[in-house]
C-alpha cells in the first residue's frame, strides 16, 4: 500500500530523532580537547550530520486520467517551467504518456497541486530523502522529481471505424456526388475566369462593332 506523506513524515522524524540520540551519545563519549594525538586517533569516526542540518526532499509518482494526453503533457511541462523546473524526460505509447519533471523542492507542493488539476487522480506514490544542508543546499537550489502518468479517459477514447466490405449504394452515391461537386466547382471557376479575364475584351469588341455600324449608317 503506498505511503502517504503524513506517514512518511513520521518515519523521517523518527529517523531524525535516532540521529540526534547518536550525536548526543558520541558527544558524551568524546575525550577532552587536551587528550593526546594517539587517543584522538583511536576515537570512532564522526557521526552523520545532525538533523538540524538536514532537508526533506520529496518525490512522487502521479497517475492521472485526462481528456487528452497530448494537451495534458504540454500543460504539465508548462507547469514545471512556471515553478522553476524543467522537463527531464518524456515517453509515450498507445496506452499512456509518462513525464518526469524536476521541480524546486520549495515549490513541490504548489507544483503538485497544479498538476493534480489536469485530471482525475488514480494513484499516487510518495517518497522522501534526507539531504544534508551543510554545503549550502536549500529548498531553492535542490530539485524534487515528480513523475506523472497521463492516461486517457474512457469517454475520450474513440474506437477505429469498422471496415467496409462489399457493395454499398450509399457509398457509391457519396463518391459519385463528390465527383459531380468537383466538376461543378471546376465549371463555375472556369466561368468566373472567363468573365473576369475575357469579358472586358468581349465588351470592348462589341462596343467598337456597334460604333462602326453607326458610322457606316451615317
N, C-alpha and C. Protein backbone atom coordinates (compact mmCIF):
# COMPACT_ATOMS: atom_id res chain seq x y z
N UNK A 1 0.85 -1.20 0.00
CA UNK A 1 0.00 0.00 0.00
C UNK A 1 0.89 1.24 0.00
N UNK A 2 0.68 2.19 -0.89
CA UNK A 2 1.54 3.38 -0.97
C UNK A 2 1.54 4.17 0.33
N UNK A 3 2.71 4.69 0.69
CA UNK A 3 2.81 5.50 1.90
C UNK A 3 2.30 6.91 1.64
N UNK A 4 1.54 7.41 2.59
CA UNK A 4 1.07 8.79 2.49
C UNK A 4 2.17 9.72 2.96
N UNK A 5 2.02 11.00 2.64
CA UNK A 5 3.02 11.98 3.05
C UNK A 5 3.07 12.11 4.57
N UNK A 6 1.91 11.97 5.25
CA UNK A 6 1.90 12.07 6.71
C UNK A 6 2.69 10.93 7.33
N UNK A 7 2.47 9.71 6.83
CA UNK A 7 3.20 8.56 7.36
C UNK A 7 4.68 8.69 7.07
N UNK A 8 5.00 9.16 5.87
CA UNK A 8 6.40 9.34 5.51
C UNK A 8 7.06 10.37 6.41
N UNK A 9 6.34 11.45 6.73
CA UNK A 9 6.89 12.48 7.60
C UNK A 9 7.19 11.92 8.98
N UNK A 10 6.29 11.06 9.50
CA UNK A 10 6.51 10.45 10.81
C UNK A 10 7.77 9.59 10.79
N UNK A 11 7.95 8.81 9.70
CA UNK A 11 9.13 7.96 9.60
C UNK A 11 10.41 8.79 9.55
N UNK A 12 10.37 9.89 8.81
CA UNK A 12 11.56 10.74 8.72
C UNK A 12 11.86 11.41 10.06
N UNK A 13 10.82 11.81 10.78
CA UNK A 13 11.05 12.41 12.10
C UNK A 13 11.65 11.39 13.06
N UNK A 14 11.20 10.13 12.96
CA UNK A 14 11.78 9.09 13.81
C UNK A 14 13.25 8.87 13.47
N UNK A 15 13.57 8.90 12.19
CA UNK A 15 14.96 8.76 11.77
C UNK A 15 15.80 9.93 12.29
N UNK A 16 15.23 11.14 12.23
CA UNK A 16 15.95 12.31 12.74
C UNK A 16 16.19 12.19 14.23
N UNK A 17 15.21 11.69 14.99
CA UNK A 17 15.39 11.53 16.44
C UNK A 17 16.49 10.52 16.75
N UNK A 18 16.55 9.46 15.93
CA UNK A 18 17.60 8.47 16.14
C UNK A 18 18.98 9.08 15.92
N UNK A 19 19.10 9.91 14.90
CA UNK A 19 20.37 10.56 14.63
C UNK A 19 20.76 11.52 15.76
N UNK A 20 19.77 12.18 16.36
CA UNK A 20 20.06 13.08 17.49
C UNK A 20 20.63 12.28 18.66
N UNK A 21 19.99 11.12 18.94
CA UNK A 21 20.48 10.29 20.05
C UNK A 21 21.91 9.84 19.80
N UNK A 22 22.22 9.44 18.56
CA UNK A 22 23.59 9.02 18.25
C UNK A 22 24.57 10.18 18.41
N UNK A 23 24.16 11.38 17.99
CA UNK A 23 25.05 12.53 18.13
C UNK A 23 25.32 12.85 19.60
N UNK A 24 24.26 12.80 20.44
CA UNK A 24 24.45 13.08 21.86
C UNK A 24 25.32 12.03 22.53
N UNK A 25 25.14 10.77 22.13
CA UNK A 25 25.97 9.70 22.70
C UNK A 25 27.44 9.89 22.33
N UNK A 26 27.65 10.28 21.08
CA UNK A 26 29.04 10.48 20.64
C UNK A 26 29.68 11.65 21.38
N UNK A 27 28.90 12.74 21.61
CA UNK A 27 29.43 13.90 22.33
C UNK A 27 29.78 13.52 23.77
N UNK A 28 28.93 12.68 24.39
CA UNK A 28 29.18 12.27 25.78
C UNK A 28 30.43 11.43 25.91
N UNK A 29 30.71 10.63 24.87
CA UNK A 29 31.88 9.75 24.92
C UNK A 29 33.13 10.41 24.37
N UNK A 30 33.07 11.62 23.83
CA UNK A 30 34.24 12.28 23.23
C UNK A 30 35.22 12.66 24.31
N UNK A 31 36.58 12.52 24.10
CA UNK A 31 37.60 12.85 25.10
C UNK A 31 37.81 14.36 25.20
N UNK A 32 38.46 14.84 26.26
CA UNK A 32 38.75 16.28 26.38
C UNK A 32 39.65 16.74 25.25
N UNK A 33 39.68 18.06 25.01
CA UNK A 33 40.45 18.59 23.90
C UNK A 33 41.95 18.43 24.09
N UNK A 34 42.44 18.32 25.38
CA UNK A 34 43.86 18.21 25.62
C UNK A 34 44.34 16.76 25.61
N UNK A 35 43.55 15.84 25.09
CA UNK A 35 43.97 14.44 25.01
C UNK A 35 45.09 14.33 24.02
N UNK A 36 45.84 13.26 24.15
CA UNK A 36 46.98 13.04 23.26
C UNK A 36 46.52 12.73 21.87
N UNK A 37 47.44 12.87 20.89
CA UNK A 37 47.11 12.58 19.49
C UNK A 37 46.74 11.13 19.32
N UNK A 38 47.43 10.22 20.07
CA UNK A 38 47.11 8.80 19.93
C UNK A 38 45.69 8.52 20.37
N UNK A 39 45.26 9.17 21.49
CA UNK A 39 43.90 8.96 21.98
C UNK A 39 42.88 9.46 20.99
N UNK A 40 43.16 10.63 20.39
CA UNK A 40 42.21 11.16 19.41
C UNK A 40 42.11 10.25 18.20
N UNK A 41 43.19 9.67 17.78
CA UNK A 41 43.16 8.78 16.62
C UNK A 41 42.34 7.53 16.88
N UNK A 42 42.28 7.13 18.16
CA UNK A 42 41.56 5.90 18.48
C UNK A 42 40.06 6.10 18.57
N UNK A 43 39.59 7.35 18.50
CA UNK A 43 38.17 7.61 18.63
C UNK A 43 37.42 7.16 17.37
N UNK A 44 36.13 6.80 17.51
CA UNK A 44 35.33 6.38 16.34
C UNK A 44 35.10 7.55 15.40
N UNK A 45 34.75 7.29 14.14
CA UNK A 45 34.50 8.37 13.18
C UNK A 45 33.32 9.22 13.59
N UNK A 46 33.31 10.43 13.07
CA UNK A 46 32.25 11.38 13.43
C UNK A 46 30.91 10.89 12.89
N UNK A 47 29.84 11.01 13.66
CA UNK A 47 28.53 10.53 13.21
C UNK A 47 27.97 11.40 12.09
N UNK A 48 26.85 11.01 11.50
CA UNK A 48 26.24 11.79 10.42
C UNK A 48 25.88 13.20 10.86
N UNK A 49 25.64 14.06 9.89
CA UNK A 49 25.28 15.45 10.17
C UNK A 49 24.05 15.52 11.06
N UNK A 50 24.05 16.36 12.06
CA UNK A 50 22.88 16.46 12.94
C UNK A 50 21.62 16.77 12.14
N UNK A 51 20.46 16.31 12.60
CA UNK A 51 19.20 16.53 11.88
C UNK A 51 18.87 17.98 11.64
N UNK A 52 19.39 18.88 12.46
CA UNK A 52 19.10 20.28 12.24
C UNK A 52 19.64 20.80 10.92
N UNK A 53 20.61 20.10 10.35
CA UNK A 53 21.20 20.50 9.08
C UNK A 53 20.72 19.62 7.92
N UNK A 54 19.56 19.00 8.09
CA UNK A 54 19.02 18.11 7.06
C UNK A 54 17.76 18.71 6.44
N UNK A 55 17.55 18.43 5.18
CA UNK A 55 16.34 18.82 4.45
C UNK A 55 15.62 17.57 3.97
N UNK A 56 14.30 17.62 4.00
CA UNK A 56 13.49 16.53 3.48
C UNK A 56 13.11 16.87 2.04
N UNK A 57 13.57 16.07 1.10
CA UNK A 57 13.27 16.28 -0.31
C UNK A 57 12.30 15.19 -0.75
N UNK A 58 11.10 15.59 -1.14
CA UNK A 58 10.06 14.63 -1.52
C UNK A 58 10.15 14.33 -3.01
N UNK A 59 9.63 13.15 -3.35
CA UNK A 59 9.44 12.75 -4.75
C UNK A 59 8.11 12.02 -4.82
N UNK A 60 7.43 12.12 -5.93
CA UNK A 60 6.12 11.49 -6.05
C UNK A 60 5.90 10.99 -7.48
N UNK A 61 5.02 10.02 -7.59
CA UNK A 61 4.61 9.48 -8.89
C UNK A 61 3.09 9.55 -8.94
N UNK A 62 2.58 10.32 -9.88
CA UNK A 62 1.15 10.53 -10.04
C UNK A 62 0.62 9.79 -11.24
N UNK A 63 -0.56 9.21 -11.10
CA UNK A 63 -1.28 8.62 -12.23
C UNK A 63 -2.58 9.40 -12.39
N UNK A 64 -2.70 10.10 -13.52
CA UNK A 64 -3.86 10.95 -13.76
C UNK A 64 -4.64 10.45 -14.97
N UNK A 65 -5.94 10.60 -14.89
CA UNK A 65 -6.82 10.31 -16.02
C UNK A 65 -7.23 11.65 -16.63
N UNK A 66 -6.89 11.87 -17.90
CA UNK A 66 -7.10 13.16 -18.55
C UNK A 66 -7.90 12.96 -19.83
N UNK A 67 -8.48 14.07 -20.31
CA UNK A 67 -9.27 14.00 -21.54
C UNK A 67 -8.39 13.83 -22.76
N UNK A 68 -7.24 14.51 -22.80
CA UNK A 68 -6.32 14.42 -23.94
C UNK A 68 -4.89 14.39 -23.41
N UNK A 69 -4.17 13.31 -23.67
CA UNK A 69 -2.83 13.14 -23.11
C UNK A 69 -1.84 14.15 -23.70
N UNK A 70 -1.96 14.47 -24.98
CA UNK A 70 -1.02 15.41 -25.60
C UNK A 70 -1.15 16.80 -24.99
N UNK A 71 -2.39 17.26 -24.84
CA UNK A 71 -2.61 18.58 -24.24
C UNK A 71 -2.16 18.60 -22.79
N UNK A 72 -2.48 17.54 -22.04
CA UNK A 72 -2.08 17.48 -20.64
C UNK A 72 -0.56 17.44 -20.49
N UNK A 73 0.13 16.73 -21.39
CA UNK A 73 1.60 16.68 -21.32
C UNK A 73 2.20 18.06 -21.56
N UNK A 74 1.65 18.80 -22.51
CA UNK A 74 2.15 20.15 -22.78
C UNK A 74 1.92 21.06 -21.57
N UNK A 75 0.74 20.96 -20.96
CA UNK A 75 0.44 21.79 -19.80
C UNK A 75 1.32 21.41 -18.61
N UNK A 76 1.61 20.12 -18.44
CA UNK A 76 2.47 19.68 -17.34
C UNK A 76 3.89 20.24 -17.49
N UNK A 77 4.39 20.27 -18.72
CA UNK A 77 5.71 20.87 -18.96
C UNK A 77 5.69 22.35 -18.64
N UNK A 78 4.61 23.04 -19.02
CA UNK A 78 4.50 24.46 -18.71
C UNK A 78 4.48 24.70 -17.20
N UNK A 79 3.79 23.83 -16.46
CA UNK A 79 3.73 23.97 -15.00
C UNK A 79 5.13 23.83 -14.41
N UNK A 80 5.90 22.87 -14.91
CA UNK A 80 7.27 22.69 -14.40
C UNK A 80 8.09 23.96 -14.63
N UNK A 81 8.01 24.55 -15.82
CA UNK A 81 8.76 25.78 -16.11
C UNK A 81 8.29 26.93 -15.22
N UNK A 82 6.97 27.01 -14.99
CA UNK A 82 6.44 28.11 -14.17
C UNK A 82 6.94 28.05 -12.73
N UNK A 83 7.26 26.86 -12.25
CA UNK A 83 7.74 26.71 -10.88
C UNK A 83 9.26 26.50 -10.82
N UNK A 84 9.96 27.02 -11.81
CA UNK A 84 11.41 27.00 -11.79
C UNK A 84 12.02 25.65 -12.10
N UNK A 85 11.27 24.74 -12.69
CA UNK A 85 11.77 23.42 -13.02
C UNK A 85 11.89 23.21 -14.51
N UNK A 86 11.97 21.95 -14.89
CA UNK A 86 12.13 21.62 -16.31
C UNK A 86 11.70 20.17 -16.55
N UNK A 87 11.53 19.85 -17.82
CA UNK A 87 11.15 18.50 -18.24
C UNK A 87 12.41 17.65 -18.34
N UNK A 88 12.46 16.55 -17.60
CA UNK A 88 13.62 15.66 -17.62
C UNK A 88 13.51 14.65 -18.76
N UNK A 89 12.36 14.00 -18.89
CA UNK A 89 12.18 13.01 -19.93
C UNK A 89 10.70 12.87 -20.23
N UNK A 90 10.40 12.30 -21.40
CA UNK A 90 9.02 12.08 -21.83
C UNK A 90 8.96 10.81 -22.67
N UNK A 91 7.97 9.96 -22.38
CA UNK A 91 7.77 8.72 -23.12
C UNK A 91 6.28 8.55 -23.38
N UNK A 92 5.96 8.09 -24.59
CA UNK A 92 4.55 7.91 -24.96
C UNK A 92 4.37 6.56 -25.64
N UNK A 93 3.19 5.97 -25.43
CA UNK A 93 2.79 4.78 -26.16
C UNK A 93 1.29 4.86 -26.39
N UNK A 94 0.70 3.77 -26.87
CA UNK A 94 -0.72 3.79 -27.20
C UNK A 94 -1.60 3.87 -25.95
N UNK A 95 -1.07 3.51 -24.78
CA UNK A 95 -1.89 3.47 -23.57
C UNK A 95 -1.77 4.72 -22.73
N UNK A 96 -0.56 5.26 -22.56
CA UNK A 96 -0.39 6.43 -21.70
C UNK A 96 0.90 7.15 -22.03
N UNK A 97 1.06 8.33 -21.44
CA UNK A 97 2.26 9.16 -21.60
C UNK A 97 2.88 9.37 -20.22
N UNK A 98 4.20 9.21 -20.14
CA UNK A 98 4.91 9.36 -18.87
C UNK A 98 5.88 10.53 -18.97
N UNK A 99 5.80 11.44 -18.00
CA UNK A 99 6.70 12.59 -17.93
C UNK A 99 7.44 12.56 -16.60
N UNK A 100 8.71 12.93 -16.64
CA UNK A 100 9.49 13.12 -15.42
C UNK A 100 9.88 14.59 -15.34
N UNK A 101 9.47 15.25 -14.27
CA UNK A 101 9.69 16.68 -14.10
C UNK A 101 10.61 16.93 -12.91
N UNK A 102 11.49 17.89 -13.04
CA UNK A 102 12.33 18.35 -11.93
C UNK A 102 11.75 19.66 -11.43
N UNK A 103 11.38 19.69 -10.15
CA UNK A 103 10.74 20.85 -9.54
C UNK A 103 11.58 21.30 -8.34
N UNK A 104 11.74 22.60 -8.15
CA UNK A 104 12.41 23.09 -6.97
C UNK A 104 11.72 22.54 -5.71
N UNK A 105 12.54 22.09 -4.75
CA UNK A 105 11.97 21.49 -3.53
C UNK A 105 11.02 22.45 -2.82
N UNK A 106 11.32 23.74 -2.85
CA UNK A 106 10.46 24.72 -2.19
C UNK A 106 9.11 24.86 -2.89
N UNK A 107 9.02 24.47 -4.17
CA UNK A 107 7.80 24.62 -4.95
C UNK A 107 7.09 23.28 -5.16
N UNK A 108 7.51 22.24 -4.43
CA UNK A 108 6.97 20.91 -4.65
C UNK A 108 5.46 20.87 -4.44
N UNK A 109 4.97 21.37 -3.31
CA UNK A 109 3.54 21.29 -3.00
C UNK A 109 2.70 22.07 -4.00
N UNK A 110 3.14 23.28 -4.35
CA UNK A 110 2.37 24.10 -5.29
C UNK A 110 2.34 23.47 -6.67
N UNK A 111 3.48 22.94 -7.13
CA UNK A 111 3.52 22.30 -8.43
C UNK A 111 2.66 21.05 -8.44
N UNK A 112 2.68 20.28 -7.36
CA UNK A 112 1.87 19.06 -7.29
C UNK A 112 0.39 19.40 -7.38
N UNK A 113 -0.06 20.45 -6.67
CA UNK A 113 -1.47 20.84 -6.74
C UNK A 113 -1.85 21.26 -8.15
N UNK A 114 -0.98 21.98 -8.85
CA UNK A 114 -1.28 22.40 -10.22
C UNK A 114 -1.37 21.19 -11.15
N UNK A 115 -0.50 20.22 -10.96
CA UNK A 115 -0.53 19.02 -11.80
C UNK A 115 -1.80 18.21 -11.55
N UNK A 116 -2.26 18.16 -10.30
CA UNK A 116 -3.49 17.42 -10.00
C UNK A 116 -4.70 18.03 -10.67
N UNK A 117 -4.64 19.32 -10.98
CA UNK A 117 -5.77 19.99 -11.63
C UNK A 117 -5.91 19.60 -13.10
N UNK A 118 -4.94 18.87 -13.65
CA UNK A 118 -5.00 18.48 -15.05
C UNK A 118 -5.99 17.35 -15.30
N UNK A 119 -6.34 16.60 -14.28
CA UNK A 119 -7.25 15.47 -14.48
C UNK A 119 -7.67 14.87 -13.16
N UNK A 120 -8.08 13.59 -13.22
CA UNK A 120 -8.55 12.85 -12.05
C UNK A 120 -7.43 11.94 -11.54
N UNK A 121 -7.12 12.05 -10.25
CA UNK A 121 -6.05 11.26 -9.66
C UNK A 121 -6.50 9.80 -9.53
N UNK A 122 -5.69 8.89 -10.08
CA UNK A 122 -5.95 7.46 -9.97
C UNK A 122 -5.09 6.80 -8.89
N UNK A 123 -3.85 7.24 -8.74
CA UNK A 123 -2.95 6.67 -7.73
C UNK A 123 -1.79 7.63 -7.51
N UNK A 124 -1.18 7.52 -6.34
CA UNK A 124 -0.01 8.35 -6.03
C UNK A 124 0.91 7.59 -5.08
N UNK A 125 2.21 7.65 -5.37
CA UNK A 125 3.22 7.05 -4.51
C UNK A 125 4.24 8.12 -4.15
N UNK A 126 4.42 8.36 -2.84
CA UNK A 126 5.29 9.43 -2.34
C UNK A 126 6.49 8.82 -1.63
N UNK A 127 7.65 9.40 -1.83
CA UNK A 127 8.86 9.00 -1.11
C UNK A 127 9.62 10.26 -0.73
N UNK A 128 10.63 10.11 0.11
CA UNK A 128 11.40 11.26 0.55
C UNK A 128 12.80 10.87 0.95
N UNK A 129 13.74 11.80 0.86
CA UNK A 129 15.13 11.60 1.22
C UNK A 129 15.59 12.73 2.12
N UNK A 130 16.52 12.40 3.03
CA UNK A 130 17.16 13.42 3.86
C UNK A 130 18.42 13.89 3.16
N UNK A 131 18.52 15.19 2.94
CA UNK A 131 19.66 15.79 2.24
C UNK A 131 20.37 16.74 3.18
N UNK A 132 21.70 16.60 3.30
CA UNK A 132 22.46 17.48 4.16
C UNK A 132 22.52 18.90 3.63
N UNK A 133 22.31 19.85 4.51
CA UNK A 133 22.32 21.25 4.11
C UNK A 133 23.61 21.95 4.52
N UNK A 134 24.60 21.19 4.98
CA UNK A 134 25.83 21.81 5.44
C UNK A 134 26.64 22.46 4.34
N UNK A 135 26.46 22.04 3.10
CA UNK A 135 27.23 22.58 1.98
C UNK A 135 26.52 23.74 1.29
N UNK A 136 25.54 24.33 1.96
CA UNK A 136 24.83 25.47 1.37
C UNK A 136 23.58 25.09 0.62
N UNK A 137 23.17 23.82 0.68
CA UNK A 137 21.96 23.39 -0.02
C UNK A 137 20.73 23.91 0.69
N UNK A 138 19.77 24.41 -0.08
CA UNK A 138 18.49 24.89 0.45
C UNK A 138 17.37 24.36 -0.43
N UNK A 139 16.15 24.63 -0.01
CA UNK A 139 14.99 24.20 -0.80
C UNK A 139 14.90 24.93 -2.13
N UNK A 140 15.69 25.99 -2.29
CA UNK A 140 15.65 26.78 -3.52
C UNK A 140 16.77 26.42 -4.49
N UNK A 141 17.64 25.47 -4.13
CA UNK A 141 18.64 25.01 -5.09
C UNK A 141 18.72 23.49 -5.16
N UNK A 142 17.72 22.81 -4.57
CA UNK A 142 17.61 21.35 -4.66
C UNK A 142 16.31 21.04 -5.41
N UNK A 143 16.37 20.05 -6.28
CA UNK A 143 15.20 19.70 -7.11
C UNK A 143 14.56 18.41 -6.63
N UNK A 144 13.24 18.40 -6.63
CA UNK A 144 12.45 17.19 -6.39
C UNK A 144 11.98 16.65 -7.73
N UNK A 145 11.76 15.34 -7.79
CA UNK A 145 11.28 14.71 -9.01
C UNK A 145 9.80 14.38 -8.88
N UNK A 146 9.05 14.74 -9.90
CA UNK A 146 7.64 14.36 -10.00
C UNK A 146 7.46 13.60 -11.30
N UNK A 147 7.10 12.33 -11.19
CA UNK A 147 6.81 11.51 -12.36
C UNK A 147 5.30 11.42 -12.51
N UNK A 148 4.81 11.70 -13.69
CA UNK A 148 3.36 11.74 -13.91
C UNK A 148 3.00 10.86 -15.10
N UNK A 149 2.04 9.96 -14.89
CA UNK A 149 1.50 9.11 -15.95
C UNK A 149 0.13 9.65 -16.35
N UNK A 150 -0.01 9.95 -17.62
CA UNK A 150 -1.25 10.52 -18.15
C UNK A 150 -1.99 9.45 -18.93
N UNK A 151 -3.15 9.04 -18.41
CA UNK A 151 -3.98 8.02 -19.05
C UNK A 151 -5.20 8.68 -19.68
N UNK A 152 -5.57 8.30 -20.89
CA UNK A 152 -6.78 8.89 -21.50
C UNK A 152 -8.04 8.42 -20.78
N UNK A 153 -9.00 9.32 -20.66
CA UNK A 153 -10.28 8.96 -20.05
C UNK A 153 -11.02 7.97 -20.92
N UNK A 154 -11.86 7.15 -20.28
CA UNK A 154 -12.59 6.14 -21.03
C UNK A 154 -13.54 6.77 -22.04
N UNK A 155 -14.18 7.89 -21.65
CA UNK A 155 -15.15 8.51 -22.55
C UNK A 155 -14.49 9.22 -23.72
N UNK A 156 -13.17 9.53 -23.59
CA UNK A 156 -12.49 10.24 -24.67
C UNK A 156 -11.90 9.30 -25.72
N UNK A 157 -12.02 7.98 -25.48
CA UNK A 157 -11.45 7.02 -26.43
C UNK A 157 -12.43 6.79 -27.56
N UNK A 158 -11.98 6.96 -28.77
CA UNK A 158 -12.81 6.75 -29.97
C UNK A 158 -12.32 5.51 -30.70
N UNK A 159 -13.10 4.43 -30.72
CA UNK A 159 -12.65 3.22 -31.40
C UNK A 159 -12.53 3.46 -32.89
N UNK A 160 -11.64 2.75 -33.57
CA UNK A 160 -11.48 2.93 -35.01
C UNK A 160 -12.74 2.50 -35.74
N UNK A 161 -13.06 3.14 -36.88
CA UNK A 161 -14.26 2.77 -37.64
C UNK A 161 -14.18 1.34 -38.14
N UNK A 162 -15.33 0.71 -38.19
CA UNK A 162 -15.38 -0.67 -38.67
C UNK A 162 -15.07 -0.71 -40.16
N UNK A 163 -14.34 -1.72 -40.61
CA UNK A 163 -14.00 -1.82 -42.03
C UNK A 163 -15.25 -2.05 -42.88
N UNK A 164 -15.24 -1.54 -44.09
CA UNK A 164 -16.38 -1.68 -45.01
C UNK A 164 -16.12 -2.81 -45.99
N UNK A 165 -17.07 -3.68 -46.10
CA UNK A 165 -16.94 -4.81 -47.01
C UNK A 165 -18.14 -4.80 -47.98
N UNK A 166 -17.91 -5.32 -49.20
CA UNK A 166 -18.99 -5.49 -50.16
C UNK A 166 -19.45 -4.19 -50.79
N UNK A 167 -20.57 -4.29 -51.54
CA UNK A 167 -21.10 -3.14 -52.27
C UNK A 167 -22.07 -2.38 -51.41
N UNK A 168 -21.96 -1.04 -51.47
CA UNK A 168 -22.84 -0.19 -50.69
C UNK A 168 -23.37 0.92 -51.59
N UNK A 169 -24.68 0.94 -51.89
CA UNK A 169 -25.24 2.01 -52.72
C UNK A 169 -24.98 3.40 -52.14
N UNK A 170 -25.08 3.52 -50.83
CA UNK A 170 -24.87 4.83 -50.21
C UNK A 170 -23.43 5.30 -50.44
N UNK A 171 -22.48 4.37 -50.32
CA UNK A 171 -21.09 4.75 -50.53
C UNK A 171 -20.84 5.13 -52.00
N UNK A 172 -21.49 4.39 -52.93
CA UNK A 172 -21.35 4.72 -54.35
C UNK A 172 -21.92 6.10 -54.65
N UNK A 173 -23.11 6.38 -54.08
CA UNK A 173 -23.71 7.70 -54.28
C UNK A 173 -22.82 8.80 -53.70
N UNK A 174 -22.22 8.53 -52.55
CA UNK A 174 -21.34 9.52 -51.93
C UNK A 174 -20.15 9.83 -52.83
N UNK A 175 -19.54 8.80 -53.40
CA UNK A 175 -18.41 9.02 -54.29
C UNK A 175 -18.83 9.75 -55.56
N UNK A 176 -20.01 9.34 -56.14
CA UNK A 176 -20.48 9.99 -57.37
C UNK A 176 -20.79 11.46 -57.12
N UNK A 177 -21.42 11.74 -56.00
CA UNK A 177 -21.74 13.13 -55.69
C UNK A 177 -20.47 13.94 -55.49
N UNK A 178 -19.45 13.33 -54.89
CA UNK A 178 -18.18 14.03 -54.74
C UNK A 178 -17.55 14.40 -56.08
N UNK A 179 -17.63 13.46 -57.05
CA UNK A 179 -17.10 13.75 -58.39
C UNK A 179 -17.91 14.86 -59.05
N UNK A 180 -19.25 14.78 -58.93
CA UNK A 180 -20.11 15.82 -59.52
C UNK A 180 -19.79 17.19 -58.92
N UNK A 181 -19.62 17.23 -57.59
CA UNK A 181 -19.33 18.51 -56.94
C UNK A 181 -18.00 19.07 -57.42
N UNK A 182 -17.03 18.19 -57.64
CA UNK A 182 -15.73 18.66 -58.13
C UNK A 182 -15.84 19.24 -59.53
N UNK A 183 -16.58 18.53 -60.42
CA UNK A 183 -16.76 19.03 -61.79
C UNK A 183 -17.53 20.34 -61.80
N UNK A 184 -18.58 20.42 -60.96
CA UNK A 184 -19.39 21.63 -60.91
C UNK A 184 -18.56 22.82 -60.44
N UNK A 185 -17.73 22.59 -59.42
CA UNK A 185 -16.86 23.68 -58.94
C UNK A 185 -15.88 24.11 -60.02
N UNK A 186 -15.37 23.12 -60.78
CA UNK A 186 -14.44 23.47 -61.85
C UNK A 186 -15.12 24.33 -62.91
N UNK A 187 -16.37 23.98 -63.28
CA UNK A 187 -17.08 24.75 -64.30
C UNK A 187 -17.37 26.17 -63.80
N UNK A 188 -17.77 26.28 -62.56
CA UNK A 188 -18.04 27.60 -62.00
C UNK A 188 -16.77 28.44 -62.00
N UNK A 189 -15.65 27.84 -61.61
CA UNK A 189 -14.38 28.56 -61.62
C UNK A 189 -14.01 29.00 -63.03
N UNK A 190 -14.26 28.12 -64.03
CA UNK A 190 -13.94 28.47 -65.42
C UNK A 190 -14.78 29.64 -65.89
N UNK A 191 -16.07 29.63 -65.54
CA UNK A 191 -16.95 30.75 -65.94
C UNK A 191 -16.48 32.05 -65.31
N UNK A 192 -16.10 32.00 -64.06
CA UNK A 192 -15.63 33.21 -63.38
C UNK A 192 -14.36 33.74 -64.04
N UNK A 193 -13.42 32.83 -64.35
CA UNK A 193 -12.19 33.26 -65.02
C UNK A 193 -12.48 33.90 -66.38
N UNK A 194 -13.38 33.26 -67.13
CA UNK A 194 -13.72 33.81 -68.45
C UNK A 194 -14.38 35.18 -68.32
N UNK A 195 -15.29 35.29 -67.34
CA UNK A 195 -15.99 36.56 -67.17
C UNK A 195 -15.04 37.68 -66.76
N UNK A 196 -14.07 37.36 -65.93
CA UNK A 196 -13.17 38.39 -65.43
C UNK A 196 -12.08 38.72 -66.44
N UNK A 197 -11.51 37.69 -67.08
CA UNK A 197 -10.37 37.91 -67.97
C UNK A 197 -10.82 38.25 -69.39
N UNK A 198 -11.76 37.47 -69.93
CA UNK A 198 -12.16 37.65 -71.34
C UNK A 198 -13.31 38.64 -71.47
N UNK A 199 -14.16 38.74 -70.46
CA UNK A 199 -15.36 39.57 -70.55
C UNK A 199 -15.08 41.01 -70.96
N UNK A 200 -14.11 41.71 -70.35
CA UNK A 200 -13.86 43.10 -70.75
C UNK A 200 -13.49 43.25 -72.23
N UNK A 201 -12.70 42.30 -72.76
CA UNK A 201 -12.32 42.39 -74.18
C UNK A 201 -13.53 42.16 -75.08
N UNK A 202 -14.42 41.24 -74.68
CA UNK A 202 -15.64 40.99 -75.47
C UNK A 202 -16.51 42.24 -75.50
N UNK A 203 -16.65 42.90 -74.35
CA UNK A 203 -17.46 44.11 -74.29
C UNK A 203 -16.85 45.22 -75.14
N UNK A 204 -15.51 45.31 -75.10
CA UNK A 204 -14.85 46.32 -75.93
C UNK A 204 -15.08 46.04 -77.42
N UNK A 205 -14.99 44.76 -77.80
CA UNK A 205 -15.21 44.42 -79.21
C UNK A 205 -16.62 44.72 -79.68
N UNK A 206 -17.60 44.38 -78.82
CA UNK A 206 -18.98 44.67 -79.19
C UNK A 206 -19.23 46.17 -79.29
N UNK A 207 -18.62 46.94 -78.39
CA UNK A 207 -18.80 48.38 -78.45
C UNK A 207 -18.20 48.97 -79.72
N UNK A 208 -17.00 48.51 -80.10
CA UNK A 208 -16.39 49.01 -81.34
C UNK A 208 -17.21 48.61 -82.56
N UNK A 209 -17.75 47.40 -82.54
CA UNK A 209 -18.56 46.96 -83.67
C UNK A 209 -19.82 47.82 -83.82
N UNK A 210 -20.46 48.10 -82.70
CA UNK A 210 -21.65 48.95 -82.74
C UNK A 210 -21.31 50.34 -83.23
N UNK A 211 -20.16 50.87 -82.82
CA UNK A 211 -19.74 52.19 -83.25
C UNK A 211 -19.47 52.23 -84.75
N UNK A 212 -18.82 51.18 -85.27
CA UNK A 212 -18.53 51.13 -86.72
C UNK A 212 -19.82 51.06 -87.51
N UNK A 213 -20.78 50.28 -87.07
CA UNK A 213 -22.05 50.18 -87.79
C UNK A 213 -22.77 51.54 -87.82
N UNK A 214 -22.69 52.26 -86.71
CA UNK A 214 -23.36 53.54 -86.66
C UNK A 214 -22.69 54.52 -87.62
N UNK A 215 -21.39 54.47 -87.70
CA UNK A 215 -20.69 55.36 -88.64
C UNK A 215 -21.03 55.03 -90.09
N UNK A 216 -21.14 53.74 -90.43
CA UNK A 216 -21.48 53.35 -91.81
C UNK A 216 -22.91 53.78 -92.17
N UNK A 217 -23.81 53.69 -91.22
CA UNK A 217 -25.20 54.05 -91.49
C UNK A 217 -25.35 55.55 -91.74
N UNK A 218 -24.42 56.35 -91.22
CA UNK A 218 -24.49 57.79 -91.43
C UNK A 218 -23.91 58.13 -92.80
